[in-house]
Amino acid sequence: MRVVFGAEGWRFGIYAKGCLGRVLLSTSLLETRVISQDTHLSIASLMFDGMDQIDLTGPFEALSRLPNSSYQIYAKTSAPVRDLNGLRLLPDATLDAAPQCDVLHIPGGPGQEALMEDQVVLDWIQRQAGGARYVFSVCTGALLCGAAGLLIGRRATTHWSSLHLLRYFGATAINERVVTDANHVFAAGVTAGIDGALRLAAELRGEGTAQAIQLDMVYAPEPPFDSGTPESAPASIVESARHSYEQITSQREATARRAAVRLGIEFAK
């Protein structure tokens, strides 16, 4: 058997010997990992004050459509939370009432910073991740995963304003919209969570199921401007955006440095 790496990922090729032609039988590892639809999947999301609701609701839109699955949202208390723009949301239950999930989803947003040294939340993330089939973070939810010790040795991504902070958690920062590393899926930020959720849906139930979900969602974005990344946006817009993130980024870096010390991670200064 010969293993070939191509644009679609690792593929196994079986070559027939003694033939005039060559027969290639290939199958994507993605399809071999698909979980049977007879197996129920439980999906759990973390909810907290100051999160960006689309980091939660975007993936929810996709993953809640998975066949034979259930989706529950957990918070530290049963009280309603408000996202960074004031949208009021209600969790299904508290963290201590959450059973072991198959898929753990950690959103981000400015409120993530308040949880970076919250041992109750970090312990919950670590415990759930330890028994989950997949861990999925969106935006600065990756920093929460990092604070819980989940990023050491992994390739990861997060919101562009925090990408440089991943090294403090032992990760290799990858400037891509979605990054997968073994059973971890990282989405860069905000709307990228939908892309990451569809990628995860394909891992869980197969590409056909993910494509059907995408069609049902009419997810075929045609943004009016090509300014969705620092590389494509006008320089003046990027400069203004970076300035608006200065304070929270400074806070996040200080917290990340403390986390690195706690986790025993050395980094170049």
Protein backbone atom coordinates (compact mmCIF):
# COMPACT_ATOMS: atom_id res chain seq x y z
CA MET A 1 0.00 0.00 0.00
CA ARG A 2 1.26 3.47 -0.85
CA VAL A 3 0.26 6.59 1.05
CA VAL A 4 -0.13 9.74 -1.03
CA PHE A 5 -0.68 13.27 0.25
CA GLY A 6 -2.69 15.55 -2.00
CA ALA A 7 -4.95 18.58 -1.92
CA GLU A 8 -7.78 16.59 -0.38
CA GLY A 9 -5.68 15.22 2.48
CA TRP A 10 -4.16 11.82 3.15
CA ARG A 11 -5.30 9.16 0.75
CA PHE A 12 -4.53 5.46 0.59
CA GLY A 13 -3.70 4.08 -2.84
CA ILE A 14 -3.56 0.38 -3.69
CA TYR A 15 -1.51 -0.29 -6.79
CA ALA A 16 -1.96 -3.53 -8.75
CA LYS A 17 1.27 -5.25 -9.81
CA GLY A 18 1.82 -7.13 -13.05
CA CYS A 19 -0.79 -5.14 -14.94
CA LEU A 20 -0.40 -2.99 -18.03
CA GLY A 21 -2.36 -0.29 -16.33
CA ARG A 22 -2.37 1.00 -12.81
CA VAL A 23 -5.43 0.75 -10.59
CA LEU A 24 -5.79 3.31 -7.83
CA LEU A 25 -8.35 2.74 -5.12
CA SER A 26 -8.43 5.73 -2.84
CA THR A 27 -10.51 6.84 0.09
CA SER A 28 -10.30 9.93 2.22
CA LEU A 29 -9.46 9.50 5.86
CA LEU A 30 -12.27 11.95 6.54
CA GLU A 31 -14.85 9.41 5.39
CA THR A 32 -13.25 6.57 7.36
CA ARG A 33 -13.62 8.60 10.56
CA VAL A 34 -17.30 9.36 10.04
CA ILE A 35 -19.43 8.32 12.99
CA SER A 36 -22.42 6.12 12.19
CA GLN A 37 -25.75 7.92 12.30
CA ASP A 38 -26.92 5.16 14.62
CA THR A 39 -24.62 6.68 17.24
CA HIS A 40 -26.15 9.58 19.10
CA LEU A 41 -23.97 12.68 19.39
CA SER A 42 -24.24 15.11 22.29
CA ILE A 43 -22.95 18.62 21.63
CA ALA A 44 -22.21 21.07 24.44
CA SER A 45 -21.46 24.78 24.14
CA LEU A 46 -20.12 27.13 26.77
CA MET A 47 -22.03 30.40 27.26
CA PHE A 48 -20.77 33.46 29.12
CA ASP A 49 -21.35 37.19 29.48
CA GLY A 50 -19.63 39.26 26.84
CA MET A 51 -19.24 36.49 24.29
CA ASP A 52 -19.88 37.23 20.62
CA GLN A 53 -23.22 35.54 20.05
CA ILE A 54 -22.43 34.48 16.48
CA ASP A 55 -19.48 32.48 17.82
CA LEU A 56 -22.22 30.43 19.49
CA THR A 57 -25.24 30.77 17.23
CA GLY A 58 -23.39 30.41 13.92
CA PRO A 59 -22.07 26.94 14.77
CA PHE A 60 -25.37 26.11 16.48
CA GLU A 61 -27.16 26.79 13.19
CA ALA A 62 -25.07 24.11 11.50
CA LEU A 63 -24.39 21.54 14.19
CA SER A 64 -27.93 21.47 15.57
CA ARG A 65 -29.01 20.07 12.20
CA LEU A 66 -26.82 16.98 12.51
CA PRO A 67 -28.86 13.75 12.40
CA ASN A 68 -29.32 11.93 15.71
CA SER A 69 -27.77 14.62 17.86
CA SER A 70 -28.66 16.85 20.78
CA TYR A 71 -27.31 20.31 21.51
CA GLN A 72 -27.16 21.83 24.99
CA ILE A 73 -25.75 25.16 26.13
CA TYR A 74 -24.14 25.50 29.54
CA ALA A 75 -23.09 28.46 31.69
CA LYS A 76 -21.61 28.93 35.13
CA THR A 77 -25.02 29.94 36.49
CA SER A 78 -28.58 29.59 35.23
CA ALA A 79 -29.01 33.36 34.90
CA PRO A 80 -29.41 34.91 31.44
CA VAL A 81 -26.25 36.27 29.85
CA ARG A 82 -25.77 39.13 27.43
CA ASP A 83 -23.44 39.05 24.51
CA LEU A 84 -21.02 41.89 23.75
CA ASN A 85 -23.77 43.84 21.99
CA GLY A 86 -26.46 43.19 24.59
CA LEU A 87 -28.33 40.23 23.11
CA ARG A 88 -29.94 38.31 25.98
CA LEU A 89 -29.42 34.54 25.96
CA LEU A 90 -30.46 31.78 28.34
CA PRO A 91 -28.43 28.63 29.02
CA ASP A 92 -30.03 25.20 29.19
CA ALA A 93 -28.24 24.26 32.41
CA THR A 94 -25.25 25.00 34.59
CA LEU A 95 -21.76 23.57 34.09
CA ASP A 96 -22.06 21.16 37.00
CA ALA A 97 -25.18 19.63 35.46
CA ALA A 98 -23.52 18.86 32.13
CA PRO A 99 -22.95 15.19 31.29
CA GLN A 100 -19.92 14.19 29.25
CA CYS A 101 -20.35 15.48 25.72
CA ASP A 102 -19.15 14.13 22.38
CA VAL A 103 -18.44 17.57 20.92
CA LEU A 104 -17.27 20.49 23.04
CA HIS A 105 -17.77 23.95 21.53
CA ILE A 106 -16.05 26.99 23.05
CA PRO A 107 -17.00 30.40 21.61
CA GLY A 108 -15.09 33.64 22.10
CA GLY A 109 -15.61 37.35 22.44
CA PRO A 110 -14.40 40.03 24.88
CA GLY A 111 -16.00 38.22 27.82
CA GLN A 112 -13.53 35.38 27.37
CA GLU A 113 -10.93 37.44 29.19
CA ALA A 114 -12.86 37.28 32.47
CA LEU A 115 -12.75 33.46 32.38
CA MET A 116 -9.07 32.98 31.61
CA GLU A 117 -8.22 32.45 35.28
CA ASP A 118 -11.60 31.09 36.39
CA GLN A 119 -10.62 27.64 37.62
CA VAL A 120 -14.21 26.37 37.67
CA VAL A 121 -14.63 27.11 33.98
CA LEU A 122 -11.13 25.93 33.02
CA ASP A 123 -11.57 22.66 34.91
CA TRP A 124 -14.90 22.10 33.15
CA ILE A 125 -13.35 22.71 29.73
CA GLN A 126 -10.44 20.40 30.51
CA ARG A 127 -12.68 17.66 31.89
CA GLN A 128 -15.15 17.78 28.98
CA ALA A 129 -12.35 17.96 26.40
CA GLY A 130 -10.75 14.89 27.94
CA GLY A 131 -13.77 12.74 27.15
CA ALA A 132 -15.00 14.41 23.95
CA ARG A 133 -14.62 13.07 20.45
CA TYR A 134 -13.96 16.60 19.15
CA VAL A 135 -13.15 20.02 20.58
CA PHE A 136 -14.22 23.04 18.54
CA SER A 137 -13.25 26.62 19.34
CA VAL A 138 -14.31 29.81 17.63
CA CYS A 139 -12.51 33.14 17.75
CA THR A 140 -10.87 33.79 21.14
CA GLY A 141 -12.47 30.64 22.48
CA ALA A 142 -9.08 29.24 21.44
CA LEU A 143 -7.48 31.30 24.22
CA LEU A 144 -9.81 29.69 26.75
CA CYS A 145 -8.81 26.29 25.43
CA GLY A 146 -5.21 27.39 25.76
CA ALA A 147 -5.70 28.48 29.36
CA ALA A 148 -7.13 25.01 30.03
CA GLY A 149 -3.93 23.48 28.64
CA LEU A 150 -5.45 22.11 25.44
CA LEU A 151 -3.25 23.87 22.87
CA ILE A 152 0.20 22.57 23.81
CA GLY A 153 1.88 21.22 20.69
CA ARG A 154 -1.11 21.95 18.45
CA ARG A 155 -1.64 24.01 15.33
CA ALA A 156 -4.41 26.51 15.97
CA THR A 157 -6.02 29.74 14.87
CA THR A 158 -8.09 32.47 16.46
CA HIS A 159 -9.27 36.03 15.75
CA TRP A 160 -6.58 37.91 13.80
CA SER A 161 -6.11 40.39 16.65
CA SER A 162 -5.07 37.58 19.01
CA LEU A 163 -3.25 35.24 16.66
CA HIS A 164 0.14 36.22 18.08
CA LEU A 165 -0.99 35.18 21.57
CA LEU A 166 -1.34 31.49 20.75
CA ARG A 167 2.39 30.92 21.32
CA TYR A 168 1.92 31.61 25.03
CA PHE A 169 -0.23 28.49 25.19
CA GLY A 170 2.28 26.27 23.41
CA ALA A 171 0.50 26.37 20.05
CA THR A 172 1.71 27.08 16.54
CA ALA A 173 -0.37 29.94 15.15
CA ILE A 174 -1.76 29.33 11.65
CA ASN A 175 -3.28 32.27 9.81
CA GLU A 176 -6.13 30.39 8.19
CA ARG A 177 -9.91 30.59 8.49
CA VAL A 178 -10.24 27.03 9.81
CA VAL A 179 -7.47 24.84 11.20
CA THR A 180 -7.80 21.19 12.19
CA ASP A 181 -5.34 19.30 14.38
CA ALA A 182 -6.33 15.72 15.15
CA ASN A 183 -9.67 15.98 16.97
CA HIS A 184 -9.47 19.75 17.46
CA VAL A 185 -11.08 22.23 15.07
CA PHE A 186 -10.28 25.93 15.36
CA ALA A 187 -12.20 28.70 13.57
CA ALA A 188 -10.53 32.09 13.17
CA GLY A 189 -13.32 34.31 14.36
CA VAL A 190 -16.98 35.30 14.25
CA THR A 191 -18.38 34.12 10.87
CA ALA A 192 -15.52 31.63 10.46
CA GLY A 193 -17.37 29.62 13.10
CA ILE A 194 -19.90 28.61 10.46
CA ASP A 195 -17.13 27.33 8.19
CA GLY A 196 -15.57 25.46 11.08
CA ALA A 197 -18.91 23.95 12.07
CA LEU A 198 -19.51 22.67 8.54
CA ARG A 199 -15.99 21.20 8.49
CA LEU A 200 -16.75 19.51 11.80
CA ALA A 201 -20.13 18.29 10.52
CA ALA A 202 -18.28 16.56 7.67
CA GLU A 203 -15.91 14.93 10.15
CA LEU A 204 -18.80 13.70 12.26
CA ARG A 205 -21.42 12.61 9.71
CA GLY A 206 -19.73 12.80 6.32
CA GLU A 207 -19.36 15.37 3.58
CA GLY A 208 -22.79 14.65 2.10
CA THR A 209 -24.50 15.50 5.38
CA ALA A 210 -22.43 18.68 5.74
CA GLN A 211 -23.27 19.73 2.19
CA ALA A 212 -26.97 19.16 2.82
CA ILE A 213 -26.77 21.31 5.95
CA GLN A 214 -24.98 24.05 4.02
CA LEU A 215 -27.67 23.97 1.35
CA ASP A 216 -30.44 24.08 3.95
CA MET A 217 -28.76 27.13 5.51
CA VAL A 218 -28.37 28.76 2.08
CA TYR A 219 -24.78 29.37 3.13
CA ALA A 220 -23.21 30.83 0.00
CA PRO A 221 -21.75 34.13 1.22
CA GLU A 222 -21.15 36.93 -1.27
CA PRO A 223 -19.88 39.81 0.88
CA PRO A 224 -20.19 43.27 -0.66
CA PHE A 225 -16.58 44.12 0.21
CA ASP A 226 -13.30 42.25 0.20
CA SER A 227 -12.27 43.48 3.65
CA GLY A 228 -12.76 40.44 5.85
CA THR A 229 -9.09 39.96 6.72
CA PRO A 230 -6.21 42.32 7.54
CA GLU A 231 -4.56 41.17 4.31
CA SER A 232 -7.50 42.21 2.12
CA ALA A 233 -8.96 45.23 3.92
CA PRO A 234 -7.78 48.79 3.15
CA ALA A 235 -4.79 49.80 5.27
CA SER A 236 -6.68 52.66 6.94
CA ILE A 237 -9.46 50.30 8.01
CA VAL A 238 -6.97 47.80 9.41
CA GLU A 239 -5.13 50.51 11.32
CA SER A 240 -8.38 51.75 12.87
CA ALA A 241 -9.41 48.22 13.81
CA ARG A 242 -6.06 47.46 15.41
CA HIS A 243 -6.31 50.64 17.43
CA SER A 244 -9.79 49.65 18.68
CA TYR A 245 -8.38 46.30 19.88
CA GLU A 246 -5.34 47.73 21.66
CA GLN A 247 -6.73 47.70 25.20
CA ILE A 248 -8.31 44.25 25.17
CA THR A 249 -5.30 42.80 23.33
CA SER A 250 -2.95 44.22 25.96
CA GLN A 251 -5.09 42.66 28.69
CA ARG A 252 -5.17 39.35 26.85
CA GLU A 253 -1.40 39.32 26.44
CA ALA A 254 -0.81 39.94 30.14
CA THR A 255 -3.20 37.12 30.99
CA ALA A 256 -1.63 34.84 28.40
CA ARG A 257 1.83 35.44 29.87
CA ARG A 258 0.56 34.44 33.31
CA ALA A 259 -1.03 31.34 31.80
CA ALA A 260 2.27 30.42 30.16
CA VAL A 261 4.01 30.55 33.52
CA ARG A 262 1.28 28.45 35.12
CA LEU A 263 1.44 25.90 32.31
CA GLY A 264 5.24 25.82 32.29
CA ILE A 265 5.48 27.01 28.68
CA GLU A 266 8.63 28.77 27.55
CA PHE A 267 8.40 31.29 24.73
CA ALA A 268 10.70 33.62 22.89
CA LYS A 269 10.43 37.19 24.14
